[in-house]
Amino acid sequence: MADPVLDPLPTQPDQAFIGLVNGSNVQAPIAVRCFAQTGVVPTTGHPVAGQTVSVARIATDPSPPPVDSPLPPVGFTGSAGRAVAVGFGPAG
């Protein structure tokens, strides 16, 4: 696994951020490889090599968008935040 790229700016309290997959935060699925030949695009399996996940700090109101909003969710570090953890997990 490649070493993570660290942003030169430290994470501080009360900062808003968005998650990025391969540099995008809109319609940005993680491609996975399923070794069974089903003819269907896989939704579970091992992530395909060469993809990235990261966060980008944004200047915005940190309140989340409405549930029916087309905008991606916004994260917020909170008053004690000093780090943001990025990882893989199931959608939804």
C-alpha atoms as a PDB file:
ATOM      1  CA  MET A   1       0.000   0.000   0.000  1.00  0.00           C
ATOM      2  CA  ALA A   2       1.282   3.472  -0.831  1.00  0.00           C
ATOM      3  CA  ASP A   3       2.162   5.885   1.924  1.00  0.00           C
ATOM      4  CA  PRO A   4      -0.635   8.391   2.635  1.00  0.00           C
ATOM      5  CA  VAL A   5      -0.284  11.920   1.329  1.00  0.00           C
ATOM      6  CA  LEU A   6      -0.486  14.404   4.172  1.00  0.00           C
ATOM      7  CA  ASP A   7      -1.894  17.869   3.701  1.00  0.00           C
ATOM      8  CA  PRO A   8       0.647  20.436   4.834  1.00  0.00           C
ATOM      9  CA  LEU A   9      -2.052  22.320   6.744  1.00  0.00           C
ATOM     10  CA  PRO A  10      -2.966  20.911  10.158  1.00  0.00           C
ATOM     11  CA  THR A  11      -6.538  19.970  10.967  1.00  0.00           C
ATOM     12  CA  GLN A  12      -8.065  22.406  13.429  1.00  0.00           C
ATOM     13  CA  PRO A  13     -11.295  22.590  15.430  1.00  0.00           C
ATOM     14  CA  ASP A  14     -14.456  23.870  13.726  1.00  0.00           C
ATOM     15  CA  GLN A  15     -13.435  23.097  10.143  1.00  0.00           C
ATOM     16  CA  ALA A  16     -15.800  21.805   7.450  1.00  0.00           C
ATOM     17  CA  PHE A  17     -14.619  19.226   4.930  1.00  0.00           C
ATOM     18  CA  ILE A  18     -15.817  16.918   2.163  1.00  0.00           C
ATOM     19  CA  GLY A  19     -14.695  13.408   1.301  1.00  0.00           C
ATOM     20  CA  LEU A  20     -13.087  12.705  -2.074  1.00  0.00           C
ATOM     21  CA  VAL A  21     -12.720   9.484  -4.039  1.00  0.00           C
ATOM     22  CA  ASN A  22     -10.162   9.756  -6.823  1.00  0.00           C
ATOM     23  CA  GLY A  23     -10.279  13.541  -6.406  1.00  0.00           C
ATOM     24  CA  SER A  24     -14.060  13.848  -6.820  1.00  0.00           C
ATOM     25  CA  ASN A  25     -16.927  14.225  -4.379  1.00  0.00           C
ATOM     26  CA  VAL A  26     -19.804  13.785  -6.836  1.00  0.00           C
ATOM     27  CA  GLN A  27     -20.839  10.367  -8.158  1.00  0.00           C
ATOM     28  CA  ALA A  28     -17.518   9.005  -6.913  1.00  0.00           C
ATOM     29  CA  PRO A  29     -17.786   5.259  -6.283  1.00  0.00           C
ATOM     30  CA  ILE A  30     -14.792   3.137  -5.396  1.00  0.00           C
ATOM     31  CA  ALA A  31     -14.259   0.549  -8.128  1.00  0.00           C
ATOM     32  CA  VAL A  32     -14.030  -3.010  -6.806  1.00  0.00           C
ATOM     33  CA  ARG A  33     -12.968  -6.240  -8.426  1.00  0.00           C
ATOM     34  CA  CYS A  34     -15.054  -9.345  -8.040  1.00  0.00           C
ATOM     35  CA  PHE A  35     -13.425 -12.504  -9.299  1.00  0.00           C
ATOM     36  CA  ALA A  36     -16.718 -14.273 -10.023  1.00  0.00           C
ATOM     37  CA  GLN A  37     -17.763 -13.761 -13.656  1.00  0.00           C
ATOM     38  CA  THR A  38     -21.389 -12.759 -13.157  1.00  0.00           C
ATOM     39  CA  GLY A  39     -21.775 -10.165 -15.929  1.00  0.00           C
ATOM     40  CA  VAL A  40     -22.878  -7.629 -13.302  1.00  0.00           C
ATOM     41  CA  VAL A  41     -20.815  -4.658 -12.140  1.00  0.00           C
ATOM     42  CA  PRO A  42     -19.572  -5.685  -8.693  1.00  0.00           C
ATOM     43  CA  THR A  43     -20.544  -3.695  -5.602  1.00  0.00           C
ATOM     44  CA  THR A  44     -18.468  -5.702  -3.146  1.00  0.00           C
ATOM     45  CA  GLY A  45     -14.965  -7.061  -3.363  1.00  0.00           C
ATOM     46  CA  HIS A  46     -11.395  -5.848  -3.222  1.00  0.00           C
ATOM     47  CA  PRO A  47     -10.808  -2.206  -4.248  1.00  0.00           C
ATOM     48  CA  VAL A  48      -9.083  -1.853  -7.612  1.00  0.00           C
ATOM     49  CA  ALA A  49      -5.479  -0.616  -7.208  1.00  0.00           C
ATOM     50  CA  GLY A  50      -4.531   3.006  -7.792  1.00  0.00           C
ATOM     51  CA  GLN A  51      -7.581   4.697  -6.281  1.00  0.00           C
ATOM     52  CA  THR A  52      -7.394   7.404  -3.634  1.00  0.00           C
ATOM     53  CA  VAL A  53      -9.558   8.586  -0.761  1.00  0.00           C
ATOM     54  CA  SER A  54      -8.983  11.917   0.945  1.00  0.00           C
ATOM     55  CA  VAL A  55     -10.674  14.956   2.427  1.00  0.00           C
ATOM     56  CA  ALA A  56     -10.633  18.588   1.360  1.00  0.00           C
ATOM     57  CA  ARG A  57     -11.276  21.469   3.690  1.00  0.00           C
ATOM     58  CA  ILE A  58     -14.063  23.778   2.541  1.00  0.00           C
ATOM     59  CA  ALA A  59     -15.255  27.193   3.639  1.00  0.00           C
ATOM     60  CA  THR A  60     -18.951  26.677   4.279  1.00  0.00           C
ATOM     61  CA  ASP A  61     -21.649  26.520   6.880  1.00  0.00           C
ATOM     62  CA  PRO A  62     -20.876  23.203   8.596  1.00  0.00           C
ATOM     63  CA  SER A  63     -24.530  22.267   9.018  1.00  0.00           C
ATOM     64  CA  PRO A  64     -25.429  19.207   6.922  1.00  0.00           C
ATOM     65  CA  PRO A  65     -27.481  19.671   3.740  1.00  0.00           C
ATOM     66  CA  PRO A  66     -31.139  18.572   3.833  1.00  0.00           C
ATOM     67  CA  VAL A  67     -31.766  14.839   3.391  1.00  0.00           C
ATOM     68  CA  ASP A  68     -33.208  15.345  -0.114  1.00  0.00           C
ATOM     69  CA  SER A  69     -30.307  17.613  -1.199  1.00  0.00           C
ATOM     70  CA  PRO A  70     -28.296  16.616  -4.311  1.00  0.00           C
ATOM     71  CA  LEU A  71     -25.181  17.935  -2.547  1.00  0.00           C
ATOM     72  CA  PRO A  72     -22.769  15.469  -0.976  1.00  0.00           C
ATOM     73  CA  PRO A  73     -22.581  15.388   2.833  1.00  0.00           C
ATOM     74  CA  VAL A  74     -20.289  17.815   4.617  1.00  0.00           C
ATOM     75  CA  GLY A  75     -18.130  16.759   7.558  1.00  0.00           C
ATOM     76  CA  PHE A  76     -17.214  18.940  10.513  1.00  0.00           C
ATOM     77  CA  THR A  77     -14.334  18.532  12.939  1.00  0.00           C
ATOM     78  CA  GLY A  78     -16.238  19.972  15.909  1.00  0.00           C
ATOM     79  CA  SER A  79     -14.840  22.062  18.723  1.00  0.00           C
ATOM     80  CA  ALA A  80     -12.194  19.495  19.752  1.00  0.00           C
ATOM     81  CA  GLY A  81     -11.277  18.166  16.286  1.00  0.00           C
ATOM     82  CA  ARG A  82      -7.592  17.761  15.509  1.00  0.00           C
ATOM     83  CA  ALA A  83      -7.701  15.008  12.857  1.00  0.00           C
ATOM     84  CA  VAL A  84      -9.902  13.479  10.160  1.00  0.00           C
ATOM     85  CA  ALA A  85      -9.831   9.719   9.580  1.00  0.00           C
ATOM     86  CA  VAL A  86     -10.470   8.474   6.042  1.00  0.00           C
ATOM     87  CA  GLY A  87     -11.328   4.851   5.322  1.00  0.00           C
ATOM     88  CA  PHE A  88     -13.475   2.396   3.409  1.00  0.00           C
ATOM     89  CA  GLY A  89     -16.901   1.234   4.508  1.00  0.00           C
ATOM     90  CA  PRO A  90     -20.280   0.249   3.088  1.00  0.00           C
ATOM     91  CA  ALA A  91     -22.338   2.959   1.404  1.00  0.00           C
ATOM     92  CA  GLY A  92     -25.505   4.158   3.004  1.00  0.00           C
END
